[in-house]
Each structure stands twice: as C-alpha cells, then as structure tokens.
N, C-alpha and C. Protein backbone atom coordinates (compact mmCIF):
# COMPACT_ATOMS: atom_id res chain seq x y z
N MET A 1 196.55 42.90 256.93
CA MET A 1 197.88 43.47 257.09
C MET A 1 198.09 44.48 255.93
N SER A 2 198.59 45.65 256.27
CA SER A 2 198.89 46.69 255.30
C SER A 2 200.13 46.30 254.50
N THR A 3 200.15 46.73 253.25
CA THR A 3 201.31 46.47 252.40
C THR A 3 201.94 47.75 251.91
N ASN A 4 201.61 48.87 252.53
CA ASN A 4 202.18 50.12 252.19
C ASN A 4 203.62 50.20 252.68
N ASP A 5 204.53 50.64 251.81
CA ASP A 5 205.94 50.82 252.21
C ASP A 5 206.04 51.90 253.29
N ARG A 6 206.41 51.54 254.49
CA ARG A 6 206.43 52.43 255.62
C ARG A 6 207.65 53.38 255.59
N LEU A 7 208.71 52.95 254.96
CA LEU A 7 209.93 53.79 254.85
C LEU A 7 210.37 53.77 253.41
N PRO A 8 209.62 54.50 252.55
CA PRO A 8 209.90 54.47 251.10
C PRO A 8 211.17 55.22 250.76
N PRO A 9 211.61 55.09 249.50
CA PRO A 9 212.82 55.80 249.03
C PRO A 9 212.72 57.29 249.27
N ILE A 10 213.88 57.85 249.54
CA ILE A 10 214.00 59.35 249.70
C ILE A 10 214.89 59.82 248.57
N ALA A 11 214.53 60.87 247.88
CA ALA A 11 215.35 61.41 246.79
C ALA A 11 216.76 61.77 247.38
N PHE A 12 217.80 61.52 246.61
CA PHE A 12 219.14 61.72 247.09
C PHE A 12 219.35 63.13 247.58
N GLU A 13 218.81 64.12 246.84
CA GLU A 13 219.00 65.53 247.25
C GLU A 13 218.30 65.87 248.56
N GLN A 14 217.35 65.02 249.00
CA GLN A 14 216.63 65.30 250.28
C GLN A 14 217.30 64.59 251.45
N LEU A 15 218.31 63.80 251.21
CA LEU A 15 219.03 63.20 252.27
C LEU A 15 219.91 64.13 253.05
N SER A 16 220.15 63.92 254.33
CA SER A 16 221.11 64.75 255.04
C SER A 16 222.53 64.43 254.53
N ALA A 17 223.47 65.25 254.94
CA ALA A 17 224.85 65.04 254.51
C ALA A 17 225.35 63.63 254.92
N ALA A 18 225.04 63.19 256.16
CA ALA A 18 225.49 61.89 256.62
C ALA A 18 224.78 60.79 255.80
N GLN A 19 223.52 60.98 255.51
CA GLN A 19 222.79 60.00 254.68
C GLN A 19 223.34 59.91 253.27
N GLN A 20 223.69 61.08 252.75
CA GLN A 20 224.29 61.06 251.35
C GLN A 20 225.65 60.30 251.34
N VAL A 21 226.45 60.52 252.29
CA VAL A 21 227.75 59.82 252.40
C VAL A 21 227.52 58.31 252.47
N ALA A 22 226.59 57.89 253.34
CA ALA A 22 226.30 56.42 253.52
C ALA A 22 225.67 55.89 252.22
N ALA A 23 224.75 56.62 251.59
CA ALA A 23 224.13 56.16 250.36
C ALA A 23 225.17 56.08 249.22
N GLN A 24 226.09 57.03 249.15
CA GLN A 24 227.04 57.02 248.08
C GLN A 24 228.01 55.83 248.23
N ALA A 25 228.34 55.44 249.47
CA ALA A 25 229.16 54.28 249.69
C ALA A 25 228.52 53.00 249.13
N VAL A 26 227.17 52.88 249.30
CA VAL A 26 226.51 51.73 248.76
C VAL A 26 226.46 51.82 247.22
N ILE A 27 226.16 52.96 246.72
CA ILE A 27 226.05 53.18 245.24
C ILE A 27 227.42 52.90 244.59
N ASN A 28 228.51 53.33 245.22
CA ASN A 28 229.85 53.13 244.67
C ASN A 28 230.40 51.72 244.82
N GLY A 29 229.76 50.91 245.66
CA GLY A 29 230.18 49.54 245.91
C GLY A 29 229.63 48.60 244.90
N PRO A 30 229.80 47.30 245.15
CA PRO A 30 229.37 46.27 244.16
C PRO A 30 227.81 46.25 243.92
N ARG A 31 227.04 46.85 244.80
CA ARG A 31 225.60 46.82 244.61
C ARG A 31 225.21 47.82 243.51
N GLY A 32 225.91 48.94 243.41
CA GLY A 32 225.69 49.90 242.37
C GLY A 32 224.49 50.80 242.53
N ALA A 33 223.65 50.59 243.56
CA ALA A 33 222.45 51.39 243.76
C ALA A 33 221.94 51.18 245.19
N LEU A 34 221.14 52.12 245.62
CA LEU A 34 220.54 52.06 246.95
C LEU A 34 219.17 51.41 246.77
N TYR A 35 219.02 50.14 247.19
CA TYR A 35 217.78 49.39 246.99
C TYR A 35 217.58 48.43 248.19
N GLY A 36 216.44 47.75 248.16
CA GLY A 36 216.15 46.77 249.14
C GLY A 36 216.25 47.25 250.56
N PRO A 37 217.04 46.59 251.43
CA PRO A 37 217.08 46.96 252.83
C PRO A 37 217.71 48.33 253.10
N PHE A 38 218.51 48.81 252.11
CA PHE A 38 219.21 50.06 252.32
C PHE A 38 218.23 51.26 252.21
N VAL A 39 217.13 51.06 251.63
CA VAL A 39 216.07 52.12 251.53
C VAL A 39 215.58 52.46 252.92
N PRO A 40 215.10 51.53 253.75
CA PRO A 40 214.69 51.89 255.08
C PRO A 40 215.91 52.23 255.97
N LEU A 41 217.00 51.50 255.80
CA LEU A 41 218.14 51.71 256.68
C LEU A 41 218.81 53.05 256.51
N ILE A 42 218.55 53.75 255.44
CA ILE A 42 219.19 55.08 255.21
C ILE A 42 218.76 56.08 256.30
N ARG A 43 217.64 55.80 256.96
CA ARG A 43 217.23 56.65 258.10
C ARG A 43 218.18 56.64 259.22
N SER A 44 219.07 55.60 259.29
CA SER A 44 220.07 55.49 260.33
C SER A 44 221.41 55.25 259.57
N PRO A 45 222.02 56.35 259.11
CA PRO A 45 223.17 56.17 258.22
C PRO A 45 224.36 55.41 258.81
N GLU A 46 224.62 55.57 260.08
CA GLU A 46 225.72 54.84 260.73
C GLU A 46 225.42 53.35 260.75
N LEU A 47 224.20 53.01 261.16
CA LEU A 47 223.78 51.58 261.13
C LEU A 47 223.82 51.04 259.70
N MET A 48 223.35 51.79 258.76
CA MET A 48 223.36 51.36 257.39
C MET A 48 224.81 51.13 256.89
N ALA A 49 225.67 52.02 257.21
CA ALA A 49 227.09 51.90 256.75
C ALA A 49 227.73 50.67 257.34
N ALA A 50 227.44 50.36 258.62
CA ALA A 50 228.00 49.18 259.24
C ALA A 50 227.41 47.93 258.60
N ALA A 51 226.12 47.94 258.41
CA ALA A 51 225.42 46.81 257.77
C ALA A 51 225.92 46.56 256.36
N GLN A 52 226.06 47.66 255.64
CA GLN A 52 226.57 47.57 254.25
C GLN A 52 227.95 46.91 254.13
N ARG A 53 228.85 47.29 255.08
CA ARG A 53 230.16 46.68 255.07
C ARG A 53 230.12 45.18 255.40
N MET A 54 229.29 44.84 256.39
CA MET A 54 229.19 43.41 256.72
C MET A 54 228.57 42.66 255.54
N GLY A 55 227.50 43.19 255.02
CA GLY A 55 226.83 42.53 253.89
C GLY A 55 227.70 42.39 252.65
N GLU A 56 228.49 43.41 252.41
CA GLU A 56 229.39 43.36 251.22
C GLU A 56 230.38 42.17 251.38
N TYR A 57 230.87 42.01 252.58
CA TYR A 57 231.81 40.87 252.83
C TYR A 57 231.06 39.55 252.70
N LEU A 58 229.95 39.40 253.41
CA LEU A 58 229.27 38.16 253.45
C LEU A 58 228.71 37.73 252.08
N ARG A 59 228.19 38.70 251.35
CA ARG A 59 227.58 38.36 250.03
C ARG A 59 228.63 38.10 248.95
N TYR A 60 229.68 38.86 248.95
CA TYR A 60 230.66 38.80 247.83
C TYR A 60 231.95 38.11 248.15
N ARG A 61 232.29 37.92 249.42
CA ARG A 61 233.62 37.33 249.71
C ARG A 61 233.57 36.30 250.83
N SER A 62 232.45 35.73 251.18
CA SER A 62 232.40 34.80 252.28
C SER A 62 233.28 33.56 252.00
N ALA A 63 233.71 32.92 253.07
CA ALA A 63 234.61 31.77 252.98
C ALA A 63 233.92 30.56 252.36
N ILE A 64 232.60 30.57 252.27
CA ILE A 64 231.91 29.40 251.68
C ILE A 64 231.63 29.57 250.19
N GLY A 65 231.91 30.75 249.62
CA GLY A 65 231.70 30.98 248.23
C GLY A 65 230.31 31.49 247.92
N THR A 66 230.16 32.08 246.77
CA THR A 66 228.92 32.79 246.44
C THR A 66 227.78 31.84 246.23
N ARG A 67 227.98 30.70 245.63
CA ARG A 67 226.87 29.77 245.38
C ARG A 67 226.21 29.28 246.68
N LEU A 68 227.07 28.91 247.63
CA LEU A 68 226.50 28.41 248.91
C LEU A 68 225.97 29.60 249.77
N THR A 69 226.60 30.76 249.60
CA THR A 69 226.03 31.95 250.30
C THR A 69 224.63 32.23 249.78
N GLU A 70 224.46 32.19 248.52
CA GLU A 70 223.12 32.47 247.95
C GLU A 70 222.10 31.44 248.42
N LEU A 71 222.50 30.19 248.54
CA LEU A 71 221.62 29.14 249.06
C LEU A 71 221.22 29.53 250.52
N ALA A 72 222.15 29.89 251.33
CA ALA A 72 221.88 30.22 252.72
C ALA A 72 220.95 31.47 252.78
N ILE A 73 221.15 32.43 251.86
CA ILE A 73 220.23 33.61 251.81
C ILE A 73 218.84 33.16 251.51
N LEU A 74 218.66 32.26 250.57
CA LEU A 74 217.33 31.79 250.23
C LEU A 74 216.62 31.10 251.36
N VAL A 75 217.40 30.25 252.09
CA VAL A 75 216.78 29.58 253.25
C VAL A 75 216.34 30.61 254.30
N THR A 76 217.16 31.64 254.51
CA THR A 76 216.81 32.66 255.46
C THR A 76 215.62 33.48 254.97
N ALA A 77 215.59 33.83 253.73
CA ALA A 77 214.50 34.60 253.20
C ALA A 77 213.16 33.81 253.34
N ARG A 78 213.23 32.53 253.10
CA ARG A 78 212.07 31.66 253.19
C ARG A 78 211.60 31.62 254.68
N GLN A 79 212.55 31.46 255.58
CA GLN A 79 212.16 31.33 257.00
C GLN A 79 211.48 32.61 257.53
N TRP A 80 211.88 33.80 256.97
CA TRP A 80 211.28 35.04 257.35
C TRP A 80 210.23 35.56 256.36
N SER A 81 209.87 34.67 255.40
CA SER A 81 208.90 35.09 254.39
C SER A 81 209.24 36.49 253.84
N GLN A 82 210.48 36.71 253.52
CA GLN A 82 210.99 37.97 253.09
C GLN A 82 211.04 38.08 251.57
N GLN A 83 210.01 38.77 250.99
CA GLN A 83 209.82 38.81 249.57
C GLN A 83 210.92 39.59 248.86
N VAL A 84 211.45 40.67 249.42
CA VAL A 84 212.47 41.44 248.77
C VAL A 84 213.76 40.60 248.61
N GLU A 85 214.19 39.95 249.77
CA GLU A 85 215.39 39.08 249.67
C GLU A 85 215.15 38.00 248.62
N TRP A 86 213.98 37.42 248.59
CA TRP A 86 213.67 36.37 247.69
C TRP A 86 213.73 36.88 246.23
N ALA A 87 213.10 37.99 245.96
CA ALA A 87 213.05 38.57 244.59
C ALA A 87 214.43 38.88 244.11
N ILE A 88 215.30 39.35 244.97
CA ILE A 88 216.70 39.70 244.58
C ILE A 88 217.56 38.46 244.44
N HIS A 89 217.49 37.55 245.44
CA HIS A 89 218.47 36.48 245.49
C HIS A 89 218.06 35.17 244.78
N ALA A 90 216.80 34.90 244.55
CA ALA A 90 216.46 33.68 243.83
C ALA A 90 217.08 33.67 242.41
N PRO A 91 216.99 34.75 241.66
CA PRO A 91 217.66 34.77 240.34
C PRO A 91 219.19 34.71 240.43
N ILE A 92 219.72 35.32 241.46
CA ILE A 92 221.21 35.25 241.63
C ILE A 92 221.62 33.83 241.98
N ALA A 93 220.89 33.18 242.84
CA ALA A 93 221.17 31.78 243.18
C ALA A 93 221.15 30.89 241.92
N ARG A 94 220.14 31.10 241.16
CA ARG A 94 220.02 30.33 239.86
C ARG A 94 221.23 30.57 239.01
N ASP A 95 221.66 31.84 238.89
CA ASP A 95 222.80 32.21 238.05
C ASP A 95 224.08 31.54 238.58
N TYR A 96 224.18 31.31 239.90
CA TYR A 96 225.40 30.69 240.48
C TYR A 96 225.25 29.17 240.58
N GLY A 97 224.22 28.57 239.98
CA GLY A 97 224.15 27.13 239.85
C GLY A 97 223.22 26.47 240.86
N ILE A 98 222.44 27.16 241.61
CA ILE A 98 221.45 26.48 242.45
C ILE A 98 220.23 26.10 241.52
N ALA A 99 219.89 24.82 241.53
CA ALA A 99 218.91 24.30 240.56
C ALA A 99 217.51 24.89 240.83
N ASP A 100 216.77 25.10 239.78
CA ASP A 100 215.39 25.56 239.91
C ASP A 100 214.54 24.77 240.81
N GLU A 101 214.76 23.43 240.81
CA GLU A 101 213.99 22.51 241.68
C GLU A 101 214.32 22.77 243.13
N VAL A 102 215.59 23.09 243.43
CA VAL A 102 216.00 23.40 244.79
C VAL A 102 215.33 24.70 245.26
N ILE A 103 215.36 25.70 244.36
CA ILE A 103 214.74 26.99 244.74
C ILE A 103 213.26 26.83 244.96
N ALA A 104 212.59 26.06 244.09
CA ALA A 104 211.14 25.86 244.26
C ALA A 104 210.83 25.11 245.55
N ALA A 105 211.60 24.12 245.90
CA ALA A 105 211.36 23.34 247.12
C ALA A 105 211.52 24.24 248.34
N ILE A 106 212.57 25.10 248.35
CA ILE A 106 212.77 26.04 249.49
C ILE A 106 211.58 26.96 249.58
N ALA A 107 211.15 27.45 248.45
CA ALA A 107 209.95 28.36 248.45
C ALA A 107 208.74 27.66 249.05
N ALA A 108 208.60 26.38 248.77
CA ALA A 108 207.46 25.58 249.27
C ALA A 108 207.69 25.05 250.70
N ARG A 109 208.79 25.47 251.35
CA ARG A 109 209.13 25.03 252.69
C ARG A 109 209.34 23.51 252.75
N GLN A 110 209.96 22.95 251.72
CA GLN A 110 210.25 21.53 251.64
C GLN A 110 211.77 21.35 251.55
N ARG A 111 212.23 20.26 252.10
CA ARG A 111 213.68 19.99 251.93
C ARG A 111 213.90 19.53 250.49
N PRO A 112 214.75 20.25 249.79
CA PRO A 112 214.99 19.85 248.36
C PRO A 112 215.60 18.51 248.22
N ALA A 113 215.12 17.80 247.21
CA ALA A 113 215.74 16.48 246.82
C ALA A 113 216.94 16.77 245.92
N GLY A 114 217.86 15.89 245.89
CA GLY A 114 218.98 16.01 244.94
C GLY A 114 219.99 17.12 245.24
N LEU A 115 220.08 17.55 246.50
CA LEU A 115 221.10 18.52 246.83
C LEU A 115 222.47 17.89 246.72
N LEU A 116 223.43 18.67 246.26
CA LEU A 116 224.84 18.29 246.31
C LEU A 116 225.24 18.25 247.82
N GLN A 117 226.29 17.53 248.11
CA GLN A 117 226.67 17.32 249.53
C GLN A 117 226.84 18.62 250.29
N GLU A 118 227.60 19.59 249.71
CA GLU A 118 227.77 20.84 250.43
C GLU A 118 226.53 21.68 250.47
N GLU A 119 225.66 21.58 249.47
CA GLU A 119 224.38 22.25 249.52
C GLU A 119 223.49 21.69 250.64
N ALA A 120 223.46 20.38 250.77
CA ALA A 120 222.64 19.72 251.84
C ALA A 120 223.18 20.17 253.20
N LEU A 121 224.49 20.27 253.34
CA LEU A 121 225.06 20.68 254.59
C LEU A 121 224.67 22.14 254.93
N VAL A 122 224.77 23.03 253.96
CA VAL A 122 224.36 24.42 254.17
C VAL A 122 222.89 24.51 254.52
N TYR A 123 222.07 23.75 253.72
CA TYR A 123 220.59 23.78 253.97
C TYR A 123 220.33 23.33 255.39
N ASP A 124 220.84 22.15 255.80
CA ASP A 124 220.55 21.60 257.13
C ASP A 124 221.03 22.55 258.24
N PHE A 125 222.24 23.11 258.09
CA PHE A 125 222.83 24.02 259.04
C PHE A 125 221.88 25.21 259.23
N CYS A 126 221.48 25.81 258.12
CA CYS A 126 220.60 27.03 258.15
C CYS A 126 219.26 26.71 258.72
N ILE A 127 218.65 25.61 258.33
CA ILE A 127 217.31 25.23 258.84
C ILE A 127 217.39 25.06 260.35
N GLN A 128 218.41 24.33 260.81
CA GLN A 128 218.54 24.13 262.24
C GLN A 128 218.71 25.41 262.99
N LEU A 129 219.62 26.25 262.47
CA LEU A 129 219.86 27.52 263.15
C LEU A 129 218.65 28.44 263.15
N GLN A 130 217.93 28.48 262.03
CA GLN A 130 216.79 29.36 261.92
C GLN A 130 215.58 28.81 262.67
N GLN A 131 215.35 27.51 262.65
CA GLN A 131 214.15 26.96 263.26
C GLN A 131 214.34 26.53 264.71
N ARG A 132 215.56 26.03 265.06
CA ARG A 132 215.75 25.54 266.42
C ARG A 132 216.63 26.53 267.27
N GLN A 133 217.17 27.47 266.62
CA GLN A 133 218.12 28.40 267.19
C GLN A 133 219.38 27.69 267.73
N ARG A 134 219.68 26.56 267.17
CA ARG A 134 220.85 25.75 267.51
C ARG A 134 221.23 24.94 266.29
N VAL A 135 222.42 24.38 266.29
CA VAL A 135 222.89 23.45 265.25
C VAL A 135 223.37 22.23 266.03
N ASP A 136 222.85 21.02 265.63
CA ASP A 136 223.25 19.80 266.35
C ASP A 136 224.74 19.47 266.09
N ASP A 137 225.23 18.63 266.96
CA ASP A 137 226.67 18.30 266.91
C ASP A 137 227.09 17.70 265.59
N ALA A 138 226.31 16.80 265.01
CA ALA A 138 226.69 16.10 263.78
C ALA A 138 226.72 17.09 262.62
N THR A 139 225.77 17.95 262.52
CA THR A 139 225.73 18.98 261.45
C THR A 139 226.89 19.96 261.64
N TYR A 140 227.12 20.39 262.85
CA TYR A 140 228.21 21.34 263.12
C TYR A 140 229.54 20.70 262.73
N ALA A 141 229.79 19.46 263.17
CA ALA A 141 231.02 18.77 262.82
C ALA A 141 231.22 18.60 261.35
N ALA A 142 230.16 18.25 260.59
CA ALA A 142 230.24 18.16 259.13
C ALA A 142 230.57 19.51 258.49
N ALA A 143 229.91 20.53 258.96
CA ALA A 143 230.19 21.90 258.46
C ALA A 143 231.62 22.28 258.72
N LEU A 144 232.10 21.99 259.91
CA LEU A 144 233.50 22.30 260.28
C LEU A 144 234.45 21.56 259.40
N ALA A 145 234.17 20.27 259.11
CA ALA A 145 235.04 19.49 258.22
C ALA A 145 235.04 20.05 256.82
N ALA A 146 233.89 20.50 256.35
CA ALA A 146 233.73 20.94 254.98
C ALA A 146 234.24 22.36 254.77
N PHE A 147 234.00 23.25 255.71
CA PHE A 147 234.25 24.64 255.52
C PHE A 147 235.30 25.29 256.44
N GLY A 148 235.75 24.54 257.48
CA GLY A 148 236.65 25.08 258.44
C GLY A 148 235.97 26.07 259.35
N GLU A 149 236.68 26.52 260.37
CA GLU A 149 236.10 27.48 261.33
C GLU A 149 235.70 28.80 260.60
N HIS A 150 236.56 29.25 259.76
CA HIS A 150 236.24 30.51 259.00
C HIS A 150 234.91 30.40 258.29
N GLY A 151 234.72 29.27 257.56
CA GLY A 151 233.53 29.06 256.80
C GLY A 151 232.30 28.93 257.69
N VAL A 152 232.43 28.21 258.80
CA VAL A 152 231.30 28.04 259.73
C VAL A 152 230.88 29.38 260.32
N VAL A 153 231.87 30.19 260.71
CA VAL A 153 231.56 31.52 261.27
C VAL A 153 230.86 32.37 260.19
N ASP A 154 231.37 32.31 258.95
CA ASP A 154 230.72 33.08 257.88
C ASP A 154 229.31 32.61 257.64
N LEU A 155 229.07 31.27 257.67
CA LEU A 155 227.73 30.74 257.50
C LEU A 155 226.79 31.22 258.62
N MET A 156 227.26 31.22 259.83
CA MET A 156 226.45 31.77 260.96
C MET A 156 226.22 33.26 260.68
N GLY A 157 227.22 33.99 260.25
CA GLY A 157 227.07 35.42 259.94
C GLY A 157 226.08 35.68 258.83
N ILE A 158 226.08 34.85 257.77
CA ILE A 158 225.08 35.02 256.69
C ILE A 158 223.64 34.85 257.21
N ASN A 159 223.44 33.88 258.04
CA ASN A 159 222.13 33.64 258.62
C ASN A 159 221.71 34.84 259.47
N GLY A 160 222.62 35.34 260.27
CA GLY A 160 222.26 36.46 261.19
C GLY A 160 222.10 37.78 260.40
N TYR A 161 222.93 38.01 259.42
CA TYR A 161 222.84 39.26 258.68
C TYR A 161 221.56 39.28 257.88
N TYR A 162 221.22 38.23 257.15
CA TYR A 162 220.01 38.23 256.34
C TYR A 162 218.78 38.14 257.16
N THR A 163 218.88 37.60 258.39
CA THR A 163 217.76 37.71 259.34
C THR A 163 217.54 39.15 259.75
N PHE A 164 218.60 39.87 260.07
CA PHE A 164 218.51 41.28 260.40
C PHE A 164 217.82 42.05 259.27
N LEU A 165 218.29 41.86 258.04
CA LEU A 165 217.68 42.57 256.93
C LEU A 165 216.24 42.16 256.73
N ALA A 166 215.91 40.89 256.91
CA ALA A 166 214.52 40.45 256.80
C ALA A 166 213.62 41.13 257.84
N MET A 167 214.14 41.28 259.02
CA MET A 167 213.36 41.94 260.12
C MET A 167 213.15 43.40 259.74
N VAL A 168 214.20 44.04 259.24
CA VAL A 168 214.04 45.48 258.88
C VAL A 168 213.00 45.63 257.77
N MET A 169 213.11 44.82 256.72
CA MET A 169 212.21 44.98 255.57
C MET A 169 210.80 44.48 255.90
N ASN A 170 210.64 43.44 256.71
CA ASN A 170 209.33 43.03 257.10
C ASN A 170 208.62 44.11 257.88
N ALA A 171 209.36 44.71 258.87
CA ALA A 171 208.73 45.81 259.69
C ALA A 171 208.47 47.04 258.87
N ALA A 172 209.34 47.33 257.94
CA ALA A 172 209.18 48.57 257.07
C ALA A 172 208.26 48.30 255.93
N GLN A 173 207.92 47.03 255.68
CA GLN A 173 207.09 46.69 254.54
C GLN A 173 207.67 47.19 253.26
N THR A 174 209.01 46.95 253.09
CA THR A 174 209.74 47.45 251.96
C THR A 174 209.14 46.88 250.67
N ALA A 175 208.99 47.74 249.69
CA ALA A 175 208.41 47.41 248.37
C ALA A 175 209.29 46.35 247.72
N VAL A 176 208.62 45.32 247.10
CA VAL A 176 209.31 44.27 246.43
C VAL A 176 209.66 44.69 245.03
N PRO A 177 210.90 44.56 244.62
CA PRO A 177 211.28 44.95 243.24
C PRO A 177 210.79 43.96 242.22
N ALA A 178 210.73 44.37 241.00
CA ALA A 178 210.41 43.46 239.90
C ALA A 178 211.44 42.35 239.84
N SER A 179 211.03 41.14 239.56
CA SER A 179 211.96 40.02 239.63
C SER A 179 211.51 38.93 238.67
N HIS A 180 212.46 38.15 238.25
CA HIS A 180 212.15 36.96 237.44
C HIS A 180 211.70 35.80 238.33
N ALA A 181 211.85 35.91 239.64
CA ALA A 181 211.45 34.86 240.54
C ALA A 181 210.00 35.09 240.94
N PRO A 182 209.21 34.00 240.97
CA PRO A 182 207.87 34.13 241.53
C PRO A 182 207.94 34.47 243.01
N PRO A 183 206.97 35.17 243.51
CA PRO A 183 207.02 35.54 244.94
C PRO A 183 206.85 34.30 245.80
N LEU A 184 207.30 34.38 247.00
CA LEU A 184 207.15 33.29 247.97
C LEU A 184 205.67 33.08 248.25
N PRO A 185 205.23 31.85 248.33
CA PRO A 185 203.80 31.60 248.71
C PRO A 185 203.64 31.97 250.17
N GLU A 186 202.46 32.33 250.51
CA GLU A 186 202.16 32.68 251.96
C GLU A 186 202.26 31.47 252.86
C-alpha cells in the first residue's frame, strides 16, 4: 500500500477564491489552521465548509461534552485505523481526562477496564454502531437516560462525522502530523 499523500496541502495563494473563503473560515475558527481532513477537503470548498460547520459543533459544543466527544472520536478513529484522527485526538482526549490506560486499550482494540459509567456507555454505543451498524435496545435506553435525545443524536452525529473524515483521509492518504500519541498499531 502506498503512503504518499494523494491530496497534499496547497499554498493559500494557489487556492481559488472559493477555496480561500472556505480555508479562511477554518483558520478563523477554533481550529486556527487548515490541517488534517481539511487539507484534502479544500478541493471541494462547499463540502468542506459544510463539514467544517458540522465538525465545529460536534467537537466543541456537543450535548455530551468534550471529554465524551473525544472518547467517541478515538473509538471511531480506531475502527477506521485513522492515524491522523488518532494523532490529533489522543492527546486532546488525555487533556480532557480520558485515562492513558483507556486510550491504550482502544488503540489495541480492547474494551478498556475501569471506564467510568458514562465512558462505558459511550464506548459501547460507539462500538455497536461502528461494528454492527446498530445499537441494541439496552444500550440505546441507557444512552437516552444518560444523555437525553439531544445527546444521543449528537453521539450518532459524532460517529458519522468522524467516520466521514476517516474515509476522506484514508482514501487521500493524508499525512499524519507530529503527535505525542504513538501511532495506532496495524
């Protein structure tokens, strides 16, 4: 398998006017730079702008909170073996209180021991949705009780959004940024 970045960064001055507007929106937002999935997505500025708006909400303002959002992102990154998402989000998850042992277990495709109740619920929900393409009644009911309909919909959205980004970056073979997180094992 080739590891060459198929859709590498484009210098800002070489972007079309529409691409520059879309890029500047990402740069001016909470991300502060055009990196990761936005590098290949800039080739489709309207798609990138829509994705950026959805991602900004899900990552920074989801109804389940940042710590649990980051946990869901890690589960999704692991399911898709997405090194860029992992490199970016494993350190963020750690900063928001996800234990190193939990991060390591997810990387190893193992159910982490010692999860807090809400962490276990997010983990189980994400694993079921990613692996079975369904969530069983008991897990759904527990998520609904813990997070309400708003939170459950946001949790589904996080899984779908980061799956979309993983697909884009896996197909584009997006270059992995430097990270404090070890890469995912094959």
